[in-house]
Amino acid sequence: MNSKSVTIATLNTWKGEGAYTHRVQLIMEQAREIQPDILFLQETLKTNALGLDTSEFLANRLNLSTASQPARQKKRIVENTFVDSTSGLSVLTRGQILSNKRFELESDQADGERISQFVEIKLEGLLFLAINTHLTFLKNSDGMRLRELKQILEAIENSQKYDLVILAGDFNCTPDSKPIVWLQTSAPIVFEEACRSMGTRIQTVERKNRLDQIDYIFQLKGKKFRFESVRRVFDIWSPNRKTFPSDHFGVCAKLSM
């Protein structure tokens, strides 16, 4: 980052599924190409039994600071071993982390724990609020996702003090869904989405044999920054490792003052 631009990226890292060790290596390699100032991660695995921690691994190798909030503790199969683990939210940054707060969101027993993470960051003399989230994945539950978004917005305090407020992550709903439309048009504080701002649509997951977007980067409208570019990232197949970095593709946006 310089004093006039900032690069933001987001990725759902897919817990410990698939070829985990190969995948986190790919995430690290592709993050080096992106060089994000702030990186939002969802489903970050941590398991003490195997000494694995996605956010710490990436932060150490990318020379970034990290703030994490563990969630959804359960036993999972990781690298062919059934171990106790968490799947949480993490924010990595080149800046200084000033605070890292956790907010519980509405949840359903059929889905499990849902949280949002609020991280204050000082970067190049500017104050940022990074809001990381992963909304419920339950089908036909846009009403619940809308209520979760309302909880997130209610938790934002004194937004005027920040030079930039970014809300990013896995929203589990498409651009034309009620929660996403509401956030950009009818919310008490309106957010601007990177792809819509740039007149494009980025496909981040495959559902029912078609690609669609459920991962987003939003900024609170009325701030000093504007979206300059947006692209899909973490989407390079490794023929040697026979895997993508995750079951999601990521989104990367550049904002300028």
Protein backbone atom coordinates (compact mmCIF):
# COMPACT_ATOMS: atom_id res chain seq x y z
CA MET A 1 0.00 0.00 0.00
CA ASN A 2 0.92 3.59 -0.57
CA SER A 3 -0.95 6.56 0.85
CA LYS A 4 -3.37 6.49 -2.10
CA SER A 5 -4.28 2.83 -2.65
CA VAL A 6 -4.98 -0.40 -0.77
CA THR A 7 -5.32 -4.00 -1.97
CA ILE A 8 -7.95 -6.22 -0.31
CA ALA A 9 -8.50 -9.95 -0.88
CA THR A 10 -10.84 -12.58 0.54
CA LEU A 11 -10.88 -16.38 0.41
CA ASN A 12 -12.78 -19.23 2.03
CA THR A 13 -9.91 -21.62 2.77
CA TRP A 14 -12.00 -24.84 3.01
CA LYS A 15 -10.95 -25.95 6.50
CA GLY A 16 -8.73 -29.06 6.33
CA GLU A 17 -10.48 -30.66 3.38
CA GLY A 18 -8.80 -32.30 0.41
CA ALA A 19 -5.03 -32.11 0.02
CA TYR A 20 -4.69 -29.63 2.87
CA THR A 21 -0.88 -29.31 2.97
CA HIS A 22 -0.68 -28.80 -0.79
CA ARG A 23 -3.59 -26.36 -0.77
CA VAL A 24 -2.21 -24.00 1.89
CA GLN A 25 1.07 -23.96 0.00
CA LEU A 26 -0.84 -22.86 -3.11
CA ILE A 27 -2.70 -20.20 -1.14
CA MET A 28 0.63 -18.87 0.11
CA GLU A 29 2.19 -18.88 -3.36
CA GLN A 30 -0.75 -17.12 -4.97
CA ALA A 31 -1.05 -14.62 -2.09
CA ARG A 32 2.56 -13.60 -2.77
CA GLU A 33 1.51 -12.64 -6.29
CA ILE A 34 -1.51 -10.68 -5.02
CA GLN A 35 0.40 -8.90 -2.24
CA PRO A 36 -2.72 -7.92 -0.27
CA ASP A 37 -2.59 -5.19 2.34
CA ILE A 38 -5.51 -6.90 4.09
CA LEU A 39 -6.46 -10.55 3.53
CA PHE A 40 -9.80 -11.88 4.82
CA LEU A 41 -9.93 -15.64 5.40
CA GLN A 42 -12.86 -17.87 6.32
CA GLU A 43 -12.86 -21.50 7.44
CA THR A 44 -9.30 -21.21 8.74
CA LEU A 45 -8.30 -24.54 10.25
CA LYS A 46 -6.54 -24.96 13.54
CA THR A 47 -5.80 -28.34 15.08
CA ASN A 48 -3.33 -28.72 17.93
CA ALA A 49 -3.23 -32.48 17.44
CA LEU A 50 -1.44 -32.09 14.11
CA GLY A 51 0.14 -28.70 14.79
CA LEU A 52 -1.70 -27.11 11.88
CA ASP A 53 -2.91 -23.51 11.80
CA THR A 54 -3.83 -22.02 8.43
CA SER A 55 -3.68 -18.35 9.42
CA GLU A 56 -0.38 -18.66 11.32
CA PHE A 57 1.20 -20.62 8.47
CA LEU A 58 0.23 -17.97 5.93
CA ALA A 59 1.06 -15.00 8.15
CA ASN A 60 4.54 -16.33 8.93
CA ARG A 61 5.41 -16.99 5.30
CA LEU A 62 3.87 -13.79 3.95
CA ASN A 63 5.34 -11.63 6.71
CA LEU A 64 1.90 -10.40 7.77
CA SER A 65 0.29 -9.83 11.14
CA THR A 66 -2.71 -12.00 11.92
CA ALA A 67 -5.84 -11.81 14.06
CA SER A 68 -8.04 -14.88 14.41
CA GLN A 69 -11.33 -15.92 15.95
CA PRO A 70 -11.76 -19.72 16.25
CA ALA A 71 -15.22 -21.20 15.73
CA ARG A 72 -17.17 -24.36 14.94
CA GLN A 73 -15.11 -26.73 17.07
CA LYS A 74 -15.56 -30.37 16.10
CA LYS A 75 -13.68 -33.46 14.99
CA ARG A 76 -12.73 -33.44 11.31
CA ILE A 77 -10.68 -35.57 8.97
CA VAL A 78 -7.48 -33.68 8.21
CA GLU A 79 -4.68 -35.32 6.24
CA ASN A 80 -6.40 -38.72 6.72
CA THR A 81 -6.52 -38.26 10.51
CA PHE A 82 -9.66 -37.71 12.61
CA VAL A 83 -8.78 -34.83 14.94
CA ASP A 84 -10.38 -32.13 17.08
CA SER A 85 -10.23 -28.81 15.24
CA THR A 86 -11.75 -25.37 14.74
CA SER A 87 -12.83 -23.58 11.57
CA GLY A 88 -12.74 -19.84 12.17
CA LEU A 89 -12.18 -16.39 10.74
CA SER A 90 -8.82 -14.66 10.29
CA VAL A 91 -7.59 -11.30 9.03
CA LEU A 92 -3.99 -10.95 7.85
CA THR A 93 -2.48 -7.52 7.22
CA ARG A 94 0.67 -5.55 6.55
CA GLY A 95 -0.58 -3.01 9.05
CA GLN A 96 -0.70 -2.85 12.83
CA ILE A 97 -3.58 -4.71 14.46
CA LEU A 98 -5.16 -2.52 17.12
CA SER A 99 -8.10 -4.70 18.16
CA ASN A 100 -9.73 -8.03 17.32
CA LYS A 101 -13.35 -8.53 18.39
CA ARG A 102 -15.81 -11.36 17.96
CA PHE A 103 -19.57 -11.03 17.50
CA GLU A 104 -21.94 -13.98 17.71
CA LEU A 105 -24.50 -14.15 14.91
CA GLU A 106 -27.83 -15.90 14.69
CA SER A 107 -27.27 -19.60 14.14
CA ASP A 108 -29.24 -22.77 13.55
CA GLN A 109 -28.56 -26.20 15.03
CA ALA A 110 -28.60 -27.66 11.53
CA ASP A 111 -25.79 -25.29 10.53
CA GLY A 112 -23.74 -24.58 13.64
CA GLU A 113 -22.00 -21.56 15.08
CA ARG A 114 -21.83 -18.35 13.02
CA ILE A 115 -19.69 -15.34 13.97
CA SER A 116 -18.33 -12.09 12.60
CA GLN A 117 -14.88 -10.68 13.27
CA PHE A 118 -14.12 -6.96 13.66
CA VAL A 119 -10.44 -5.99 13.34
CA GLU A 120 -9.13 -2.43 13.67
CA ILE A 121 -5.97 -1.82 11.63
CA LYS A 122 -3.54 1.09 11.39
CA LEU A 123 -1.91 1.16 7.98
CA GLU A 124 0.19 3.96 6.48
CA GLY A 125 -1.25 6.41 8.98
CA LEU A 126 -4.87 5.50 8.13
CA LEU A 127 -7.42 3.75 10.35
CA PHE A 128 -9.28 0.78 8.87
CA LEU A 129 -12.10 -1.42 10.16
CA ALA A 130 -12.01 -4.92 8.64
CA ILE A 131 -15.23 -6.87 9.14
CA ASN A 132 -14.85 -10.54 8.28
CA THR A 133 -17.84 -12.85 8.06
CA HIS A 134 -19.22 -16.19 6.90
CA LEU A 135 -23.02 -16.30 6.78
CA THR A 136 -25.14 -19.44 7.13
CA PHE A 137 -24.95 -21.93 4.27
CA LEU A 138 -28.47 -23.34 4.84
CA LYS A 139 -30.56 -23.49 1.67
CA ASN A 140 -33.57 -21.20 1.30
CA SER A 141 -32.33 -19.14 4.27
CA ASP A 142 -31.88 -15.64 2.84
CA GLY A 143 -34.09 -14.40 5.67
CA MET A 144 -31.56 -15.67 8.19
CA ARG A 145 -28.64 -14.28 6.21
CA LEU A 146 -30.38 -10.90 6.14
CA ARG A 147 -30.81 -11.00 9.93
CA GLU A 148 -27.13 -11.92 10.33
CA LEU A 149 -26.15 -8.93 8.19
CA LYS A 150 -28.36 -6.66 10.28
CA GLN A 151 -26.58 -7.95 13.41
CA ILE A 152 -23.23 -7.09 11.84
CA LEU A 153 -24.27 -3.57 10.95
CA GLU A 154 -25.73 -3.02 14.43
CA ALA A 155 -22.31 -3.90 15.89
CA ILE A 156 -20.52 -1.16 13.94
CA GLU A 157 -19.78 1.73 16.28
CA ASN A 158 -18.72 5.23 15.23
CA SER A 159 -18.03 4.37 11.60
CA GLN A 160 -17.12 8.01 10.97
CA LYS A 161 -13.77 7.62 12.70
CA TYR A 162 -12.46 5.15 10.10
CA ASP A 163 -10.79 6.10 6.84
CA LEU A 164 -12.12 2.86 5.33
CA VAL A 165 -14.62 0.23 6.49
CA ILE A 166 -14.40 -3.08 4.60
CA LEU A 167 -16.93 -5.90 4.95
CA ALA A 168 -15.80 -9.09 3.21
CA GLY A 169 -16.12 -12.85 3.23
CA ASP A 170 -18.39 -15.73 2.27
CA PHE A 171 -22.02 -14.56 2.21
CA ASN A 172 -23.47 -17.80 0.82
CA CYS A 173 -25.88 -15.92 -1.44
CA THR A 174 -25.79 -14.53 -4.97
CA PRO A 175 -25.61 -10.88 -6.09
CA ASP A 176 -29.36 -10.69 -6.81
CA SER A 177 -30.37 -12.18 -3.44
CA LYS A 178 -32.30 -10.13 -0.88
CA PRO A 179 -29.41 -9.80 1.65
CA ILE A 180 -26.92 -8.52 -0.94
CA VAL A 181 -29.40 -6.12 -2.54
CA TRP A 182 -30.48 -4.82 0.89
CA LEU A 183 -26.90 -4.14 1.95
CA GLN A 184 -26.38 -1.93 -1.12
CA THR A 185 -29.71 -0.15 -1.22
CA SER A 186 -31.80 -0.19 1.97
CA ALA A 187 -29.46 -0.80 4.90
CA PRO A 188 -29.15 1.90 7.60
CA ILE A 189 -25.56 2.35 6.43
CA VAL A 190 -25.16 1.44 2.78
CA PHE A 191 -22.22 -0.54 1.43
CA GLU A 192 -20.79 -0.63 -2.09
CA GLU A 193 -19.75 -3.97 -3.61
CA ALA A 194 -16.56 -4.21 -5.67
CA CYS A 195 -17.90 -6.15 -8.66
CA ARG A 196 -21.06 -4.10 -9.01
CA SER A 197 -19.02 -0.92 -8.73
CA MET A 198 -16.80 -2.09 -11.58
CA GLY A 199 -19.71 -3.39 -13.69
CA THR A 200 -18.69 -7.05 -13.56
CA ARG A 201 -19.48 -10.34 -11.81
CA ILE A 202 -16.92 -12.78 -10.47
CA GLN A 203 -17.79 -16.45 -10.19
CA THR A 204 -16.38 -17.90 -6.97
CA VAL A 205 -18.09 -21.30 -6.49
CA GLU A 206 -19.69 -24.07 -8.48
CA ARG A 207 -23.27 -24.92 -7.51
CA LYS A 208 -25.64 -27.20 -9.40
CA ASN A 209 -23.07 -27.53 -12.19
CA ARG A 210 -22.79 -23.78 -12.72
CA LEU A 211 -20.48 -21.10 -11.39
CA ASP A 212 -21.81 -18.23 -9.32
CA GLN A 213 -20.66 -15.55 -6.89
CA ILE A 214 -21.13 -15.82 -3.12
CA ASP A 215 -17.87 -14.20 -1.95
CA TYR A 216 -17.66 -10.40 -1.80
CA ILE A 217 -15.71 -7.30 -0.85
CA PHE A 218 -17.81 -4.31 0.25
CA GLN A 219 -16.79 -0.87 1.40
CA LEU A 220 -18.91 1.53 3.43
CA LYS A 221 -20.10 4.26 1.10
CA GLY A 222 -19.13 7.87 1.71
CA LYS A 223 -15.50 7.23 2.59
CA LYS A 224 -12.35 8.57 0.94
CA PHE A 225 -11.76 5.50 -1.22
CA ARG A 226 -13.23 4.27 -4.50
CA PHE A 227 -12.91 0.87 -6.19
CA GLU A 228 -10.32 0.96 -8.94
CA SER A 229 -10.24 -2.71 -10.00
CA VAL A 230 -11.52 -6.16 -9.05
CA ARG A 231 -10.48 -9.64 -10.16
CA ARG A 232 -10.79 -13.30 -9.30
CA VAL A 233 -7.82 -14.78 -7.46
CA PHE A 234 -6.72 -18.05 -5.85
CA ASP A 235 -8.01 -19.76 -9.00
CA ILE A 236 -4.87 -21.37 -10.45
CA TRP A 237 -4.93 -25.16 -10.79
CA SER A 238 -1.75 -26.97 -9.79
CA PRO A 239 -1.15 -29.89 -12.19
CA ASN A 240 1.60 -31.25 -9.93
CA ARG A 241 -0.52 -31.17 -6.78
CA LYS A 242 -3.78 -31.81 -8.67
CA THR A 243 -5.76 -29.26 -6.71
CA PHE A 244 -6.98 -25.70 -6.60
CA PRO A 245 -6.11 -23.67 -3.49
CA SER A 246 -9.68 -24.12 -2.18
CA ASP A 247 -13.21 -25.13 -3.15
CA HIS A 248 -13.86 -21.38 -3.53
CA PHE A 249 -12.10 -18.88 -5.73
CA GLY A 250 -11.16 -15.60 -4.08
CA VAL A 251 -11.85 -11.95 -4.83
CA CYS A 252 -9.25 -9.18 -4.89
CA ALA A 253 -10.04 -5.47 -5.12
CA LYS A 254 -7.87 -2.40 -5.32
CA LEU A 255 -9.19 0.84 -3.83
CA SER A 256 -7.75 4.30 -4.30
CA MET A 257 -8.29 7.64 -2.66
